[in-house]
PDB file of N, CA and C in Angstrom:
ATOM      1  N   MET A   1      -0.913  16.593  11.642  1.00  0.00           N
ATOM      2  CA  MET A   1       0.323  16.740  10.833  1.00  0.00           C
ATOM      3  C   MET A   1       1.281  15.688  11.227  1.00  0.00           C
ATOM      4  N   GLU A   2       1.819  14.983  10.256  1.00  0.00           N
ATOM      5  CA  GLU A   2       2.832  13.907  10.503  1.00  0.00           C
ATOM      6  C   GLU A   2       4.162  14.523  10.816  1.00  0.00           C
ATOM      7  N   THR A   3       4.898  13.802  11.593  1.00  0.00           N
ATOM      8  CA  THR A   3       6.313  14.206  11.867  1.00  0.00           C
ATOM      9  C   THR A   3       7.159  13.724  10.703  1.00  0.00           C
ATOM     10  N   LYS A   4       8.385  14.160  10.662  1.00  0.00           N
ATOM     11  CA  LYS A   4       9.304  13.740   9.616  1.00  0.00           C
ATOM     12  C   LYS A   4       9.445  12.214   9.605  1.00  0.00           C
ATOM     13  N   THR A   5       9.574  11.638  10.757  1.00  0.00           N
ATOM     14  CA  THR A   5       9.750  10.155  10.872  1.00  0.00           C
ATOM     15  C   THR A   5       8.479   9.429  10.323  1.00  0.00           C
ATOM     16  N   GLU A   6       7.306   9.974  10.625  1.00  0.00           N
ATOM     17  CA  GLU A   6       6.060   9.371  10.165  1.00  0.00           C
ATOM     18  C   GLU A   6       5.963   9.468   8.629  1.00  0.00           C
ATOM     19  N   LYS A   7       6.354  10.599   8.114  1.00  0.00           N
ATOM     20  CA  LYS A   7       6.329  10.803   6.649  1.00  0.00           C
ATOM     21  C   LYS A   7       7.299   9.772   5.928  1.00  0.00           C
ATOM     22  N   ILE A   8       8.433   9.605   6.583  1.00  0.00           N
ATOM     23  CA  ILE A   8       9.402   8.609   6.027  1.00  0.00           C
ATOM     24  C   ILE A   8       8.780   7.241   6.026  1.00  0.00           C
ATOM     25  N   LEU A   9       8.118   6.834   7.124  1.00  0.00           N
ATOM     26  CA  LEU A   9       7.445   5.531   7.193  1.00  0.00           C
ATOM     27  C   LEU A   9       6.384   5.403   6.098  1.00  0.00           C
ATOM     28  N   LEU A  10       5.584   6.419   5.945  1.00  0.00           N
ATOM     29  CA  LEU A  10       4.537   6.353   4.887  1.00  0.00           C
ATOM     30  C   LEU A  10       5.109   6.216   3.489  1.00  0.00           C
ATOM     31  N   ARG A  11       6.231   6.960   3.253  1.00  0.00           N
ATOM     32  CA  ARG A  11       6.902   6.815   1.901  1.00  0.00           C
ATOM     33  C   ARG A  11       7.440   5.402   1.724  1.00  0.00           C
ATOM     34  N   ARG A  12       8.012   4.779   2.757  1.00  0.00           N
ATOM     35  CA  ARG A  12       8.558   3.464   2.652  1.00  0.00           C
ATOM     36  C   ARG A  12       7.440   2.473   2.394  1.00  0.00           C
ATOM     37  N   ILE A  13       6.331   2.587   3.012  1.00  0.00           N
ATOM     38  CA  ILE A  13       5.188   1.668   2.755  1.00  0.00           C
ATOM     39  C   ILE A  13       4.706   1.884   1.345  1.00  0.00           C
ATOM     40  N   GLY A  14       4.576   3.106   0.896  1.00  0.00           N
ATOM     41  CA  GLY A  14       4.136   3.407  -0.447  1.00  0.00           C
ATOM     42  C   GLY A  14       5.077   2.840  -1.479  1.00  0.00           C
ATOM     43  N   ASN A  15       6.396   2.992  -1.262  1.00  0.00           N
ATOM     44  CA  ASN A  15       7.362   2.479  -2.203  1.00  0.00           C
ATOM     45  C   ASN A  15       7.338   0.942  -2.253  1.00  0.00           C
ATOM     46  N   LYS A  16       7.162   0.341  -1.100  1.00  0.00           N
ATOM     47  CA  LYS A  16       7.062  -1.132  -1.077  1.00  0.00           C
ATOM     48  C   LYS A  16       5.850  -1.637  -1.806  1.00  0.00           C
ATOM     49  N   LEU A  17       4.734  -0.900  -1.626  1.00  0.00           N
ATOM     50  CA  LEU A  17       3.511  -1.299  -2.330  1.00  0.00           C
ATOM     51  C   LEU A  17       3.697  -1.148  -3.836  1.00  0.00           C
ATOM     52  N   ARG A  18       4.273  -0.030  -4.301  1.00  0.00           N
ATOM     53  CA  ARG A  18       4.423   0.205  -5.723  1.00  0.00           C
ATOM     54  C   ARG A  18       5.339  -0.844  -6.340  1.00  0.00           C
ATOM     55  N   ALA A  19       6.431  -1.175  -5.634  1.00  0.00           N
ATOM     56  CA  ALA A  19       7.371  -2.163  -6.157  1.00  0.00           C
ATOM     57  C   ALA A  19       6.715  -3.577  -6.229  1.00  0.00           C
ATOM     58  N   LEU A  20       5.977  -3.874  -5.221  1.00  0.00           N
ATOM     59  CA  LEU A  20       5.277  -5.201  -5.192  1.00  0.00           C
ATOM     60  C   LEU A  20       4.234  -5.281  -6.295  1.00  0.00           C
ATOM     61  N   ARG A  21       3.498  -4.213  -6.472  1.00  0.00           N
ATOM     62  CA  ARG A  21       2.458  -4.197  -7.494  1.00  0.00           C
ATOM     63  C   ARG A  21       3.092  -4.275  -8.898  1.00  0.00           C
ATOM     64  N   ASN A  22       4.171  -3.535  -9.102  1.00  0.00           N
ATOM     65  CA  ASN A  22       4.865  -3.606 -10.406  1.00  0.00           C
ATOM     66  C   ASN A  22       5.481  -4.928 -10.681  1.00  0.00           C
ATOM     67  N   GLU A  23       6.109  -5.537  -9.648  1.00  0.00           N
ATOM     68  CA  GLU A  23       6.681  -6.890  -9.816  1.00  0.00           C
ATOM     69  C   GLU A  23       5.622  -7.914 -10.228  1.00  0.00           C
ATOM     70  N   ASN A  24       4.403  -7.668  -9.823  1.00  0.00           N
ATOM     71  CA  ASN A  24       3.295  -8.624 -10.150  1.00  0.00           C
ATOM     72  C   ASN A  24       2.490  -8.159 -11.282  1.00  0.00           C
ATOM     73  N   ASN A  25       2.972  -7.139 -12.035  1.00  0.00           N
ATOM     74  CA  ASN A  25       2.259  -6.621 -13.199  1.00  0.00           C
ATOM     75  C   ASN A  25       0.755  -6.379 -12.950  1.00  0.00           C
ATOM     76  N   LEU A  26       0.539  -5.656 -11.866  1.00  0.00           N
ATOM     77  CA  LEU A  26      -0.859  -5.357 -11.486  1.00  0.00           C
ATOM     78  C   LEU A  26      -1.060  -3.837 -11.495  1.00  0.00           C
ATOM     79  N   SER A  27      -2.073  -3.411 -12.124  1.00  0.00           N
ATOM     80  CA  SER A  27      -2.352  -1.923 -12.153  1.00  0.00           C
ATOM     81  C   SER A  27      -2.973  -1.498 -10.799  1.00  0.00           C
ATOM     82  N   GLN A  28      -2.911  -0.228 -10.534  1.00  0.00           N
ATOM     83  CA  GLN A  28      -3.527   0.262  -9.325  1.00  0.00           C
ATOM     84  C   GLN A  28      -5.025  -0.069  -9.311  1.00  0.00           C
ATOM     85  N   PHE A  29      -5.682   0.098 -10.400  1.00  0.00           N
ATOM     86  CA  PHE A  29      -7.081  -0.212 -10.498  1.00  0.00           C
ATOM     87  C   PHE A  29      -7.359  -1.691 -10.206  1.00  0.00           C
ATOM     88  N   ASP A  30      -6.613  -2.553 -10.849  1.00  0.00           N
ATOM     89  CA  ASP A  30      -6.844  -3.986 -10.642  1.00  0.00           C
ATOM     90  C   ASP A  30      -6.604  -4.387  -9.182  1.00  0.00           C
ATOM     91  N   LEU A  31      -5.551  -3.799  -8.550  1.00  0.00           N
ATOM     92  CA  LEU A  31      -5.300  -4.068  -7.183  1.00  0.00           C
ATOM     93  C   LEU A  31      -6.474  -3.617  -6.293  1.00  0.00           C
ATOM     94  N   SER A  32      -6.965  -2.435  -6.594  1.00  0.00           N
ATOM     95  CA  SER A  32      -8.099  -1.915  -5.818  1.00  0.00           C
ATOM     96  C   SER A  32      -9.326  -2.867  -5.915  1.00  0.00           C
ATOM     97  N   ILE A  33      -9.554  -3.416  -7.087  1.00  0.00           N
ATOM     98  CA  ILE A  33     -10.653  -4.320  -7.231  1.00  0.00           C
ATOM     99  C   ILE A  33     -10.454  -5.590  -6.420  1.00  0.00           C
ATOM    100  N   GLU A  34      -9.225  -6.168  -6.569  1.00  0.00           N
ATOM    101  CA  GLU A  34      -8.941  -7.421  -5.858  1.00  0.00           C
ATOM    102  C   GLU A  34      -8.969  -7.266  -4.363  1.00  0.00           C
ATOM    103  N   ALA A  35      -8.494  -6.105  -3.893  1.00  0.00           N
ATOM    104  CA  ALA A  35      -8.428  -5.861  -2.468  1.00  0.00           C
ATOM    105  C   ALA A  35      -9.718  -5.336  -1.883  1.00  0.00           C
ATOM    106  N   GLY A  36     -10.629  -4.862  -2.752  1.00  0.00           N
ATOM    107  CA  GLY A  36     -11.873  -4.400  -2.304  1.00  0.00           C
ATOM    108  C   GLY A  36     -11.746  -3.018  -1.598  1.00  0.00           C
ATOM    109  N   ILE A  37     -10.913  -2.153  -2.169  1.00  0.00           N
ATOM    110  CA  ILE A  37     -10.730  -0.817  -1.605  1.00  0.00           C
ATOM    111  C   ILE A  37     -11.009   0.215  -2.720  1.00  0.00           C
ATOM    112  N   PRO A  38     -11.283   1.451  -2.391  1.00  0.00           N
ATOM    113  CA  PRO A  38     -11.575   2.419  -3.404  1.00  0.00           C
ATOM    114  C   PRO A  38     -10.411   2.591  -4.412  1.00  0.00           C
ATOM    115  N   LYS A  39     -10.732   2.829  -5.664  1.00  0.00           N
ATOM    116  CA  LYS A  39      -9.757   2.807  -6.709  1.00  0.00           C
ATOM    117  C   LYS A  39      -8.673   3.859  -6.567  1.00  0.00           C
ATOM    118  N   ASN A  40      -8.932   5.027  -5.989  1.00  0.00           N
ATOM    119  CA  ASN A  40      -7.901   6.023  -5.862  1.00  0.00           C
ATOM    120  C   ASN A  40      -6.997   5.778  -4.611  1.00  0.00           C
ATOM    121  N   GLN A  41      -7.405   4.896  -3.753  1.00  0.00           N
ATOM    122  CA  GLN A  41      -6.701   4.674  -2.518  1.00  0.00           C
ATOM    123  C   GLN A  41      -5.302   4.088  -2.732  1.00  0.00           C
ATOM    124  N   VAL A  42      -5.129   3.189  -3.701  1.00  0.00           N
ATOM    125  CA  VAL A  42      -3.794   2.616  -3.953  1.00  0.00           C
ATOM    126  C   VAL A  42      -2.829   3.681  -4.320  1.00  0.00           C
ATOM    127  N   GLY A  43      -3.188   4.567  -5.189  1.00  0.00           N
ATOM    128  CA  GLY A  43      -2.282   5.645  -5.608  1.00  0.00           C
ATOM    129  C   GLY A  43      -1.962   6.579  -4.458  1.00  0.00           C
ATOM    130  N   ARG A  44      -2.932   6.856  -3.624  1.00  0.00           N
ATOM    131  CA  ARG A  44      -2.721   7.737  -2.520  1.00  0.00           C
ATOM    132  C   ARG A  44      -1.757   7.114  -1.499  1.00  0.00           C
ATOM    133  N   ILE A  45      -1.854   5.762  -1.299  1.00  0.00           N
ATOM    134  CA  ILE A  45      -0.944   5.067  -0.393  1.00  0.00           C
ATOM    135  C   ILE A  45       0.503   5.135  -1.015  1.00  0.00           C
ATOM    136  N   GLU A  46       0.596   4.846  -2.284  1.00  0.00           N
ATOM    137  CA  GLU A  46       1.876   4.806  -2.951  1.00  0.00           C
ATOM    138  C   GLU A  46       2.568   6.191  -2.936  1.00  0.00           C
ATOM    139  N   ARG A  47       1.813   7.268  -2.995  1.00  0.00           N
ATOM    140  CA  ARG A  47       2.339   8.609  -2.971  1.00  0.00           C
ATOM    141  C   ARG A  47       2.488   9.134  -1.567  1.00  0.00           C
ATOM    142  N   ALA A  48       2.188   8.319  -0.529  1.00  0.00           N
ATOM    143  CA  ALA A  48       2.266   8.683   0.860  1.00  0.00           C
ATOM    144  C   ALA A  48       1.415   9.894   1.188  1.00  0.00           C
ATOM    145  N   GLU A  49       0.238   9.964   0.565  1.00  0.00           N
ATOM    146  CA  GLU A  49      -0.694  11.053   0.770  1.00  0.00           C
ATOM    147  C   GLU A  49      -1.617  10.769   1.941  1.00  0.00           C
ATOM    148  N   ILE A  50      -1.747   9.492   2.297  1.00  0.00           N
ATOM    149  CA  ILE A  50      -2.632   9.146   3.382  1.00  0.00           C
ATOM    150  C   ILE A  50      -1.960   8.164   4.332  1.00  0.00           C
ATOM    151  N   ASN A  51      -2.409   8.121   5.531  1.00  0.00           N
ATOM    152  CA  ASN A  51      -1.951   7.195   6.555  1.00  0.00           C
ATOM    153  C   ASN A  51      -2.998   6.110   6.545  1.00  0.00           C
ATOM    154  N   THR A  52      -2.734   5.060   5.769  1.00  0.00           N
ATOM    155  CA  THR A  52      -3.748   4.007   5.585  1.00  0.00           C
ATOM    156  C   THR A  52      -3.895   3.142   6.802  1.00  0.00           C
ATOM    157  N   THR A  53      -4.935   2.405   6.878  1.00  0.00           N
ATOM    158  CA  THR A  53      -5.240   1.575   8.029  1.00  0.00           C
ATOM    159  C   THR A  53      -4.527   0.205   7.926  1.00  0.00           C
ATOM    160  N   VAL A  54      -4.368  -0.420   9.026  1.00  0.00           N
ATOM    161  CA  VAL A  54      -3.837  -1.786   9.101  1.00  0.00           C
ATOM    162  C   VAL A  54      -4.769  -2.712   8.310  1.00  0.00           C
ATOM    163  N   ILE A  55      -6.017  -2.509   8.427  1.00  0.00           N
ATOM    164  CA  ILE A  55      -6.997  -3.363   7.723  1.00  0.00           C
ATOM    165  C   ILE A  55      -6.812  -3.285   6.235  1.00  0.00           C
ATOM    166  N   THR A  56      -6.573  -2.053   5.710  1.00  0.00           N
ATOM    167  CA  THR A  56      -6.284  -1.954   4.285  1.00  0.00           C
ATOM    168  C   THR A  56      -5.061  -2.626   3.849  1.00  0.00           C
ATOM    169  N   LEU A  57      -3.956  -2.496   4.648  1.00  0.00           N
ATOM    170  CA  LEU A  57      -2.725  -3.150   4.343  1.00  0.00           C
ATOM    171  C   LEU A  57      -2.906  -4.681   4.401  1.00  0.00           C
ATOM    172  N   HIS A  58      -3.753  -5.123   5.317  1.00  0.00           N
ATOM    173  CA  HIS A  58      -4.038  -6.571   5.404  1.00  0.00           C
ATOM    174  C   HIS A  58      -4.718  -7.058   4.149  1.00  0.00           C
ATOM    175  N   LYS A  59      -5.710  -6.288   3.653  1.00  0.00           N
ATOM    176  CA  LYS A  59      -6.409  -6.639   2.432  1.00  0.00           C
ATOM    177  C   LYS A  59      -5.449  -6.700   1.216  1.00  0.00           C
ATOM    178  N   ILE A  60      -4.552  -5.740   1.135  1.00  0.00           N
ATOM    179  CA  ILE A  60      -3.572  -5.692   0.056  1.00  0.00           C
ATOM    180  C   ILE A  60      -2.589  -6.900   0.182  1.00  0.00           C
ATOM    181  N   ALA A  61      -2.137  -7.145   1.394  1.00  0.00           N
ATOM    182  CA  ALA A  61      -1.222  -8.285   1.609  1.00  0.00           C
ATOM    183  C   ALA A  61      -1.840  -9.615   1.182  1.00  0.00           C
ATOM    184  N   LYS A  62      -3.181  -9.760   1.457  1.00  0.00           N
ATOM    185  CA  LYS A  62      -3.888 -10.956   1.079  1.00  0.00           C
ATOM    186  C   LYS A  62      -3.891 -11.166  -0.482  1.00  0.00           C
ATOM    187  N   VAL A  63      -4.021 -10.058  -1.176  1.00  0.00           N
ATOM    188  CA  VAL A  63      -3.984 -10.149  -2.665  1.00  0.00           C
ATOM    189  C   VAL A  63      -2.673 -10.764  -3.144  1.00  0.00           C
ATOM    190  N   PHE A  64      -1.536 -10.309  -2.513  1.00  0.00           N
ATOM    191  CA  PHE A  64      -0.252 -10.787  -2.929  1.00  0.00           C
ATOM    192  C   PHE A  64       0.167 -12.017  -2.190  1.00  0.00           C
ATOM    193  N   LYS A  65      -0.658 -12.508  -1.302  1.00  0.00           N
ATOM    194  CA  LYS A  65      -0.340 -13.741  -0.506  1.00  0.00           C
ATOM    195  C   LYS A  65       0.949 -13.608   0.230  1.00  0.00           C
ATOM    196  N   ILE A  66       1.051 -12.386   0.939  1.00  0.00           N
ATOM    197  CA  ILE A  66       2.242 -12.152   1.792  1.00  0.00           C
ATOM    198  C   ILE A  66       1.731 -11.786   3.184  1.00  0.00           C
ATOM    199  N   ASP A  67       2.676 -11.777   4.141  1.00  0.00           N
ATOM    200  CA  ASP A  67       2.385 -11.311   5.464  1.00  0.00           C
ATOM    201  C   ASP A  67       2.402  -9.835   5.500  1.00  0.00           C
ATOM    202  N   ILE A  68       1.549  -9.226   6.252  1.00  0.00           N
ATOM    203  CA  ILE A  68       1.454  -7.808   6.374  1.00  0.00           C
ATOM    204  C   ILE A  68       2.778  -7.150   6.874  1.00  0.00           C
ATOM    205  N   LYS A  69       3.561  -7.948   7.586  1.00  0.00           N
ATOM    206  CA  LYS A  69       4.817  -7.416   8.147  1.00  0.00           C
ATOM    207  C   LYS A  69       5.778  -6.990   6.971  1.00  0.00           C
ATOM    208  N   TYR A  70       5.578  -7.468   5.724  1.00  0.00           N
ATOM    209  CA  TYR A  70       6.369  -7.047   4.634  1.00  0.00           C
ATOM    210  C   TYR A  70       6.463  -5.515   4.499  1.00  0.00           C
ATOM    211  N   PHE A  71       5.320  -4.855   4.843  1.00  0.00           N
ATOM    212  CA  PHE A  71       5.319  -3.395   4.698  1.00  0.00           C
ATOM    213  C   PHE A  71       6.084  -2.657   5.814  1.00  0.00           C
ATOM    214  N   PHE A  72       6.427  -3.377   6.872  1.00  0.00           N
ATOM    215  CA  PHE A  72       7.117  -2.797   8.013  1.00  0.00           C
ATOM    216  C   PHE A  72       8.517  -3.268   8.166  1.00  0.00           C
ATOM    217  N   ASP A  73       8.968  -4.274   7.403  1.00  0.00           N
ATOM    218  CA  ASP A  73      10.350  -4.761   7.496  1.00  0.00           C
ATOM    219  C   ASP A  73      11.308  -3.775   6.871  1.00  0.00           C
TER     220      ASP A  73
END
């Protein structure tokens, strides 16, 4: 079970991912294909339903050509 602080962190990461994806006019499905991750995983990250791995965030960051630290700033 996540603490309140951990839940806030997951929500921030999810919100940043959603904003980035929308700014780039990319659907959740298209992002999942480009990042090579399961199609439902993007939505679950955006909704803070899962504590995703650093490897997954790295794959997503590569799609957008950004540094992974974007999700933690």
